[in-house]
Each structure stands twice: as structure tokens, then as C-alpha cells.
Amino acid sequence: MSLYLGIHEGLLRYFTLEVNFVTTPEETSELEIKRAEREAQRAEQETQREER
């Protein structure tokens, strides 16, 4: 994987050749937490539907 340095929103970031920035460990963690929260909401909604 070829990485390049660039500025994104005032921060020095790594980018791929396709101009996608590489997430930091903190961003990756935040994304995983949000994904888990969405999955929990989906599961709760499914449970509520089944109870009706």
C-alpha cells in the first residue's frame, strides 16, 4: 500500500493513492463504537417488533 502525506482539516494525514485518508486509531475506535451502537439499536428494534 502506497501512502502519501497531506493536510486534511488542518491536520497532517496519510492518504492512499485513491485519495482516501487513513484513519487514526482514535477515529477507528470511534467508528467501531458508533457501529456497535447502531447494531444495538437495530437489535432492540427487532426485539420490539417480535414482541408485538
N, C-alpha and C. Protein backbone atom coordinates (compact mmCIF):
# COMPACT_ATOMS: atom_id res chain seq x y z
N MET A 1 0.85 -1.17 0.00
CA MET A 1 0.00 0.00 0.00
C MET A 1 0.90 1.23 0.00
N SER A 2 0.69 2.09 -0.95
CA SER A 2 1.44 3.34 -1.01
C SER A 2 0.69 4.42 -0.24
N LEU A 3 1.41 5.08 0.65
CA LEU A 3 0.81 6.14 1.45
C LEU A 3 1.50 7.46 1.14
N TYR A 4 0.74 8.52 1.22
CA TYR A 4 1.24 9.86 0.96
C TYR A 4 0.83 10.75 2.11
N LEU A 5 1.63 11.78 2.38
CA LEU A 5 1.29 12.74 3.42
C LEU A 5 0.58 13.93 2.81
N GLY A 6 -0.41 14.44 3.53
CA GLY A 6 -1.13 15.61 3.08
C GLY A 6 -1.84 16.26 4.26
N ILE A 7 -2.45 17.39 4.00
CA ILE A 7 -3.18 18.12 5.03
C ILE A 7 -4.67 17.91 4.82
N HIS A 8 -5.37 17.53 5.87
CA HIS A 8 -6.82 17.35 5.84
C HIS A 8 -7.38 18.02 7.10
N GLU A 9 -8.25 19.01 6.90
CA GLU A 9 -8.85 19.76 8.00
C GLU A 9 -7.78 20.27 8.97
N GLY A 10 -6.69 20.76 8.41
CA GLY A 10 -5.62 21.36 9.20
C GLY A 10 -4.70 20.38 9.90
N LEU A 11 -4.87 19.09 9.64
CA LEU A 11 -4.04 18.07 10.28
C LEU A 11 -3.21 17.33 9.23
N LEU A 12 -2.00 16.98 9.59
CA LEU A 12 -1.16 16.18 8.71
C LEU A 12 -1.68 14.75 8.75
N ARG A 13 -2.04 14.22 7.58
CA ARG A 13 -2.66 12.90 7.50
C ARG A 13 -1.99 12.06 6.43
N TYR A 14 -2.12 10.75 6.55
CA TYR A 14 -1.72 9.84 5.49
C TYR A 14 -2.90 9.64 4.56
N PHE A 15 -2.61 9.57 3.25
CA PHE A 15 -3.60 9.32 2.23
C PHE A 15 -3.15 8.15 1.37
N THR A 16 -4.12 7.44 0.79
CA THR A 16 -3.82 6.40 -0.18
C THR A 16 -3.77 7.03 -1.57
N LEU A 17 -3.36 6.27 -2.53
CA LEU A 17 -3.30 6.74 -3.90
C LEU A 17 -4.69 7.15 -4.40
N GLU A 18 -5.74 6.51 -3.88
CA GLU A 18 -7.12 6.83 -4.26
C GLU A 18 -7.65 8.05 -3.51
N VAL A 19 -6.81 8.74 -2.78
CA VAL A 19 -7.12 9.95 -2.01
C VAL A 19 -8.09 9.66 -0.87
N ASN A 20 -8.02 8.51 -0.29
CA ASN A 20 -8.75 8.19 0.93
C ASN A 20 -7.79 8.37 2.09
N PHE A 21 -8.19 9.12 3.12
CA PHE A 21 -7.27 9.28 4.22
C PHE A 21 -7.32 8.06 5.14
N VAL A 22 -6.20 7.76 5.75
CA VAL A 22 -6.07 6.62 6.65
C VAL A 22 -6.53 7.08 8.03
N THR A 23 -7.46 6.35 8.62
CA THR A 23 -7.98 6.75 9.92
C THR A 23 -6.94 6.52 11.01
N THR A 24 -7.00 7.38 12.01
CA THR A 24 -6.13 7.22 13.18
C THR A 24 -6.72 6.14 14.07
N PRO A 25 -5.95 5.61 15.01
CA PRO A 25 -6.51 4.62 15.94
C PRO A 25 -7.73 5.17 16.70
N GLU A 26 -7.69 6.45 17.05
CA GLU A 26 -8.81 7.06 17.77
C GLU A 26 -10.05 7.10 16.88
N GLU A 27 -9.88 7.47 15.62
CA GLU A 27 -11.02 7.51 14.69
C GLU A 27 -11.57 6.12 14.46
N THR A 28 -10.70 5.14 14.33
CA THR A 28 -11.13 3.77 14.14
C THR A 28 -11.95 3.30 15.33
N SER A 29 -11.51 3.65 16.53
CA SER A 29 -12.24 3.30 17.75
C SER A 29 -13.62 3.96 17.76
N GLU A 30 -13.67 5.25 17.44
CA GLU A 30 -14.95 5.97 17.40
C GLU A 30 -15.90 5.34 16.39
N LEU A 31 -15.39 4.99 15.22
CA LEU A 31 -16.22 4.38 14.19
C LEU A 31 -16.77 3.03 14.67
N GLU A 32 -15.94 2.25 15.36
CA GLU A 32 -16.38 0.96 15.85
C GLU A 32 -17.44 1.12 16.94
N ILE A 33 -17.28 2.11 17.80
CA ILE A 33 -18.28 2.37 18.85
C ILE A 33 -19.61 2.75 18.21
N LYS A 34 -19.58 3.64 17.21
CA LYS A 34 -20.81 4.06 16.53
C LYS A 34 -21.46 2.88 15.81
N ARG A 35 -20.65 2.02 15.20
CA ARG A 35 -21.19 0.85 14.50
C ARG A 35 -21.88 -0.07 15.50
N ALA A 36 -21.25 -0.27 16.66
CA ALA A 36 -21.82 -1.14 17.69
C ALA A 36 -23.12 -0.54 18.23
N GLU A 37 -23.16 0.77 18.40
CA GLU A 37 -24.39 1.42 18.87
C GLU A 37 -25.52 1.26 17.86
N ARG A 38 -25.20 1.42 16.57
CA ARG A 38 -26.23 1.23 15.53
C ARG A 38 -26.74 -0.21 15.53
N GLU A 39 -25.83 -1.16 15.70
CA GLU A 39 -26.22 -2.56 15.72
C GLU A 39 -27.10 -2.86 16.93
N ALA A 40 -26.77 -2.28 18.07
CA ALA A 40 -27.58 -2.48 19.28
C ALA A 40 -28.97 -1.90 19.09
N GLN A 41 -29.07 -0.72 18.46
CA GLN A 41 -30.38 -0.12 18.19
C GLN A 41 -31.18 -1.00 17.24
N ARG A 42 -30.52 -1.52 16.21
CA ARG A 42 -31.21 -2.38 15.26
C ARG A 42 -31.73 -3.63 15.96
N ALA A 43 -30.90 -4.22 16.81
CA ALA A 43 -31.32 -5.43 17.54
C ALA A 43 -32.48 -5.12 18.47
N GLU A 44 -32.45 -3.97 19.13
CA GLU A 44 -33.54 -3.57 20.03
C GLU A 44 -34.84 -3.38 19.26
N GLN A 45 -34.75 -2.74 18.10
CA GLN A 45 -35.94 -2.54 17.27
C GLN A 45 -36.50 -3.88 16.80
N GLU A 46 -35.62 -4.79 16.45
CA GLU A 46 -36.06 -6.12 16.02
C GLU A 46 -36.76 -6.85 17.16
N THR A 47 -36.22 -6.74 18.36
CA THR A 47 -36.83 -7.37 19.54
C THR A 47 -38.21 -6.78 19.80
N GLN A 48 -38.34 -5.46 19.69
CA GLN A 48 -39.63 -4.81 19.90
C GLN A 48 -40.64 -5.26 18.86
N ARG A 49 -40.21 -5.42 17.61
CA ARG A 49 -41.13 -5.88 16.56
C ARG A 49 -41.62 -7.29 16.85
N GLU A 50 -40.71 -8.14 17.34
CA GLU A 50 -41.07 -9.53 17.62
C GLU A 50 -42.06 -9.63 18.79
N GLU A 51 -42.00 -8.67 19.73
CA GLU A 51 -42.89 -8.70 20.89
C GLU A 51 -44.31 -8.27 20.55
N ARG A 52 -44.51 -7.65 19.42
CA ARG A 52 -45.85 -7.17 19.05
C ARG A 52 -46.72 -8.25 18.51
